[in-house]
Amino acid sequence: MSRFQLKEIAKRKQERQQERETAIKRAKEFIEKNPNASRKRIADYAGVSASTLENISKTSDFVMPKALTPQQTRKASNWGTILGELSKKWELLD
């Protein structure tokens, strides 16, 4: 490999490391603000996929929260409020 290629590889490696550190930092911040957040919301805020955060947690001190159970997911959204808002919108259309 040429000297230029080696420099490019080193540069990309450093950029990936910085992106990884940024994702970890953002994920930790989001978990502190929203301890009951889903893994998807944490990953979206961090700017990476949930599987990427899972892989990062295997090699660093970052711990990805356990997946929400179906009961926890149901409690997270209030269907009464959601459906109530929909009914108000339909009343306006009449």
Protein backbone atom coordinates (compact mmCIF):
# COMPACT_ATOMS: atom_id res chain seq x y z
CA MET A 1 0.00 0.00 0.00
CA SER A 2 1.09 3.50 -0.68
CA ARG A 3 1.71 6.12 1.93
CA PHE A 4 -1.45 7.96 0.81
CA GLN A 5 -3.63 4.88 1.32
CA LEU A 6 -2.21 4.30 4.80
CA LYS A 7 -2.95 7.91 5.73
CA GLU A 8 -6.54 7.57 4.47
CA ILE A 9 -7.05 4.36 6.43
CA ALA A 10 -5.71 5.97 9.61
CA LYS A 11 -7.91 9.01 9.04
CA ARG A 12 -11.05 6.89 8.59
CA LYS A 13 -10.21 4.85 11.67
CA GLN A 14 -9.89 8.01 13.75
CA GLU A 15 -13.20 9.37 12.38
CA ARG A 16 -14.99 6.11 13.24
CA GLN A 17 -13.56 6.23 16.76
CA GLN A 18 -14.78 9.81 17.21
CA GLU A 19 -18.26 8.90 15.89
CA ARG A 20 -18.36 5.94 18.27
CA GLU A 21 -17.44 8.12 21.27
CA THR A 22 -20.04 10.70 20.26
CA ALA A 23 -22.73 8.01 19.98
CA ILE A 24 -21.86 6.63 23.42
CA LYS A 25 -21.92 10.11 24.97
CA ARG A 26 -25.27 11.01 23.39
CA ALA A 27 -26.81 7.66 24.38
CA LYS A 28 -25.71 8.08 28.00
CA GLU A 29 -27.12 11.63 28.09
CA PHE A 30 -30.46 10.44 26.70
CA ILE A 31 -30.68 7.55 29.18
CA GLU A 32 -30.08 9.97 32.06
CA LYS A 33 -32.87 12.26 30.81
CA ASN A 34 -35.28 9.43 29.90
CA PRO A 35 -34.54 6.30 31.95
CA ASN A 36 -37.65 4.50 30.63
CA ALA A 37 -36.94 5.18 26.96
CA SER A 38 -36.96 2.35 24.46
CA ARG A 39 -33.78 1.10 22.82
CA LYS A 40 -34.92 2.49 19.47
CA ARG A 41 -35.43 5.99 20.87
CA ILE A 42 -31.99 5.87 22.50
CA ALA A 43 -30.40 4.72 19.25
CA ASP A 44 -32.23 7.36 17.21
CA TYR A 45 -31.03 10.09 19.55
CA ALA A 46 -27.46 8.76 19.41
CA GLY A 47 -27.59 8.70 15.62
CA VAL A 48 -26.86 4.99 15.16
CA SER A 49 -28.88 1.79 15.01
CA ALA A 50 -29.82 -0.21 18.08
CA SER A 51 -27.67 -3.13 16.94
CA THR A 52 -24.67 -0.81 16.64
CA LEU A 53 -25.17 0.38 20.21
CA GLU A 54 -25.51 -3.26 21.27
CA ASN A 55 -22.14 -4.06 19.67
CA ILE A 56 -20.55 -0.99 21.26
CA SER A 57 -21.83 -2.04 24.68
CA LYS A 58 -20.00 -5.36 24.35
CA THR A 59 -16.61 -3.65 24.02
CA SER A 60 -16.99 -0.57 26.23
CA ASP A 61 -18.33 0.52 29.61
CA PHE A 62 -21.62 1.64 28.03
CA VAL A 63 -24.57 -0.58 28.98
CA MET A 64 -27.58 -0.79 26.69
CA PRO A 65 -30.86 -1.16 28.63
CA LYS A 66 -32.88 -4.33 28.34
CA ALA A 67 -35.61 -4.45 25.73
CA LEU A 68 -39.06 -3.36 26.91
CA THR A 69 -41.60 -6.08 27.55
CA PRO A 70 -44.94 -5.88 25.71
CA GLN A 71 -46.59 -4.72 28.94
CA GLN A 72 -44.10 -1.87 29.35
CA THR A 73 -44.61 -0.87 25.72
CA ARG A 74 -48.38 -0.73 26.20
CA LYS A 75 -48.00 1.42 29.31
CA ALA A 76 -45.78 3.85 27.42
CA SER A 77 -48.61 4.96 25.12
CA ASN A 78 -51.98 6.12 26.39
CA TRP A 79 -54.51 4.99 23.78
CA GLY A 80 -57.35 6.74 25.55
CA THR A 81 -55.69 10.09 24.97
CA ILE A 82 -54.68 9.23 21.43
CA LEU A 83 -58.16 8.07 20.45
CA GLY A 84 -59.73 11.00 22.29
CA GLU A 85 -57.71 13.42 20.19
CA LEU A 86 -58.79 11.61 17.03
CA SER A 87 -62.45 11.87 17.97
CA LYS A 88 -62.05 15.62 18.50
CA LYS A 89 -60.58 15.96 15.02
CA TRP A 90 -63.49 14.02 13.49
CA GLU A 91 -65.96 16.28 15.30
CA LEU A 92 -64.34 19.30 13.65
CA LEU A 93 -64.79 17.72 10.22
CA ASP A 94 -68.55 17.25 10.69
